[in-house]
Structure formats: C-alpha cells, structure tokens
C-alpha cells in the first residue's frame, strides 16, 4: 500500500480574511493539509491583485473586508474557473448575490470540515 497524499496535495489556496488571527489559523490549516497558502489577504484590493496575479486552485473568502464586500473577487474567481468557499459568520441566505450560492463554512469550524469542503470543490 502506497503513501497517502495529503488532502490538498500542493493545491494553491487564496486566503481572504481581514482578522489577523483567523487568517493565520486558515493559513496553518491549509499548510497542515498539504496546500500552499496565498495570503492571507486582509483587503479586497490585495485579494483582487493576488487573484489576478497568482495561479490558484481554490479560494477561501471572508465576506466583509475593510474596503468592501468580496463579491467582485468572487466574480473574478468565477471568470477564471477558480472555485471558492465562503468562510463567514453570516447566514448563507443573507450573503450578497454571487456569494449566496457558493459553498459556505460558518465560523467557527473544524480544520477537517473545511479541508473536506475544499476537496469536494475540486471534484465538481
């Protein structure tokens, strides 16, 4: 029996989170699952730059950032066929258009649950 690959196996994950501690937790979660963290980006402007500049496999998006809601970022990611998971304390039905149909993880969450959701996004 061969060695099992880590769940994220080198996947590049954009992390968009304005809370420093949560952003660092997400970065650690991604890296512990074998992924490559891009960010965390704490502003919409930086996140848009990274989404346009980096090769990404998936993104984790906080909804509200100091300089706006991440809907324009979700649109850019969709145009590039990059799946994303909304990571928020808001109810999915209260999310802005473009975000309310995306996979959503309610804060707080367990690492294994978040990683499992990202892996499901790769399979669709």
Protein backbone atom coordinates (compact mmCIF):
# COMPACT_ATOMS: atom_id res chain seq x y z
CA UNK A 1 0.00 0.00 0.00
CA UNK A 2 1.45 3.38 -1.09
CA UNK A 3 1.89 6.51 0.90
CA UNK A 4 -1.32 8.53 1.16
CA UNK A 5 -1.13 12.05 -0.27
CA UNK A 6 -2.20 14.99 1.92
CA UNK A 7 -5.77 16.15 1.17
CA UNK A 8 -4.74 19.41 -0.51
CA UNK A 9 -1.60 17.90 -2.11
CA UNK A 10 0.13 21.12 -3.18
CA UNK A 11 -3.04 22.98 -4.18
CA UNK A 12 -2.69 26.76 -4.15
CA UNK A 13 -5.28 28.32 -1.80
CA UNK A 14 -6.01 32.06 -1.74
CA UNK A 15 -6.97 33.10 1.79
CA UNK A 16 -9.00 36.30 2.12
CA UNK A 17 -9.60 37.23 5.76
CA UNK A 18 -9.34 40.61 7.49
CA UNK A 19 -8.97 39.22 11.02
CA UNK A 20 -5.24 38.53 11.51
CA UNK A 21 -5.66 35.60 13.90
CA UNK A 22 -8.31 33.87 11.79
CA UNK A 23 -6.21 34.44 8.67
CA UNK A 24 -3.18 32.83 10.33
CA UNK A 25 -5.33 29.91 11.51
CA UNK A 26 -6.58 29.40 7.95
CA UNK A 27 -3.01 29.56 6.62
CA UNK A 28 -1.90 26.89 9.11
CA UNK A 29 -4.92 24.71 8.29
CA UNK A 30 -4.12 24.87 4.57
CA UNK A 31 -0.43 24.13 5.08
CA UNK A 32 -1.11 21.26 7.52
CA UNK A 33 -3.37 19.72 4.87
CA UNK A 34 -0.56 19.91 2.30
CA UNK A 35 -1.70 23.05 0.48
CA UNK A 36 0.18 26.21 -0.47
CA UNK A 37 -1.31 29.29 1.19
CA UNK A 38 -1.51 32.51 -0.82
CA UNK A 39 -2.12 35.32 1.64
CA UNK A 40 -3.92 35.87 3.88
CA UNK A 41 -5.12 39.00 2.13
CA UNK A 42 -6.81 41.38 4.57
CA UNK A 43 -8.26 43.75 1.95
CA UNK A 44 -10.33 43.45 -1.20
CA UNK A 45 -7.69 45.37 -3.16
CA UNK A 46 -4.89 42.95 -2.20
CA UNK A 47 -7.14 39.93 -2.76
CA UNK A 48 -8.06 41.13 -6.27
CA UNK A 49 -4.39 41.65 -7.06
CA UNK A 50 -3.44 38.16 -5.83
CA UNK A 51 -6.39 36.53 -7.64
CA UNK A 52 -5.32 38.17 -10.88
CA UNK A 53 -1.59 37.52 -10.43
CA UNK A 54 -1.36 34.02 -8.90
CA UNK A 55 -2.18 30.57 -10.23
CA UNK A 56 -4.91 29.43 -7.83
CA UNK A 57 -6.72 26.16 -7.30
CA UNK A 58 -9.28 27.44 -4.78
CA UNK A 59 -10.01 30.42 -2.52
CA UNK A 60 -11.37 30.93 0.99
CA UNK A 61 -13.34 34.19 1.14
CA UNK A 62 -14.41 36.26 4.10
CA UNK A 63 -17.42 38.31 3.01
CA UNK A 64 -16.82 41.73 4.52
CA UNK A 65 -13.42 43.35 4.26
CA UNK A 66 -12.35 46.85 5.36
CA UNK A 67 -12.54 48.15 1.79
CA UNK A 68 -15.69 46.35 0.63
CA UNK A 69 -17.61 43.13 0.15
CA UNK A 70 -15.78 40.36 -1.72
CA UNK A 71 -18.44 39.98 -4.49
CA UNK A 72 -16.11 41.48 -7.19
CA UNK A 73 -13.47 38.96 -6.14
CA UNK A 74 -15.99 36.10 -6.41
CA UNK A 75 -16.82 37.28 -9.94
CA UNK A 76 -13.13 37.35 -10.92
CA UNK A 77 -12.58 33.88 -9.49
CA UNK A 78 -15.65 32.53 -11.33
CA UNK A 79 -14.35 34.02 -14.60
CA UNK A 80 -11.06 32.17 -14.01
CA UNK A 81 -12.88 28.93 -13.06
CA UNK A 82 -11.38 29.02 -9.56
CA UNK A 83 -13.77 27.51 -7.01
CA UNK A 84 -14.20 29.27 -3.69
CA UNK A 85 -15.63 28.65 -0.25
CA UNK A 86 -17.23 31.49 1.69
CA UNK A 87 -15.92 31.46 5.26
CA UNK A 88 -18.19 33.70 7.30
CA UNK A 89 -20.21 34.26 10.43
CA UNK A 90 -23.19 35.39 8.30
CA UNK A 91 -26.10 33.14 7.34
CA UNK A 92 -25.81 31.94 3.71
CA UNK A 93 -29.20 33.44 2.81
CA UNK A 94 -28.03 36.89 3.94
CA UNK A 95 -24.95 36.86 1.70
CA UNK A 96 -24.73 39.20 -1.29
CA UNK A 97 -25.56 37.94 -4.78
CA UNK A 98 -22.74 35.86 -6.21
CA UNK A 99 -21.82 34.53 -2.81
CA UNK A 100 -25.09 33.09 -1.53
CA UNK A 101 -24.93 30.01 -3.77
CA UNK A 102 -21.28 29.19 -3.06
CA UNK A 103 -20.23 26.52 -0.57
CA UNK A 104 -20.20 28.16 2.85
CA UNK A 105 -18.46 27.35 6.15
CA UNK A 106 -19.80 29.07 9.25
CA UNK A 107 -17.20 30.38 11.68
CA UNK A 108 -16.01 28.77 13.87
CA UNK A 109 -15.29 25.47 12.11
CA UNK A 110 -13.00 22.47 12.39
CA UNK A 111 -9.99 22.12 10.09
CA UNK A 112 -11.11 18.70 8.86
CA UNK A 113 -14.54 20.07 7.88
CA UNK A 114 -13.00 22.96 5.93
CA UNK A 115 -10.49 20.72 4.17
CA UNK A 116 -13.23 18.22 3.28
CA UNK A 117 -15.30 21.02 1.75
CA UNK A 118 -12.34 22.24 -0.33
CA UNK A 119 -11.68 18.70 -1.57
CA UNK A 120 -15.35 18.40 -2.60
CA UNK A 121 -14.99 21.64 -4.60
CA UNK A 122 -12.11 20.12 -6.60
CA UNK A 123 -14.24 17.12 -7.54
CA UNK A 124 -17.06 19.18 -9.10
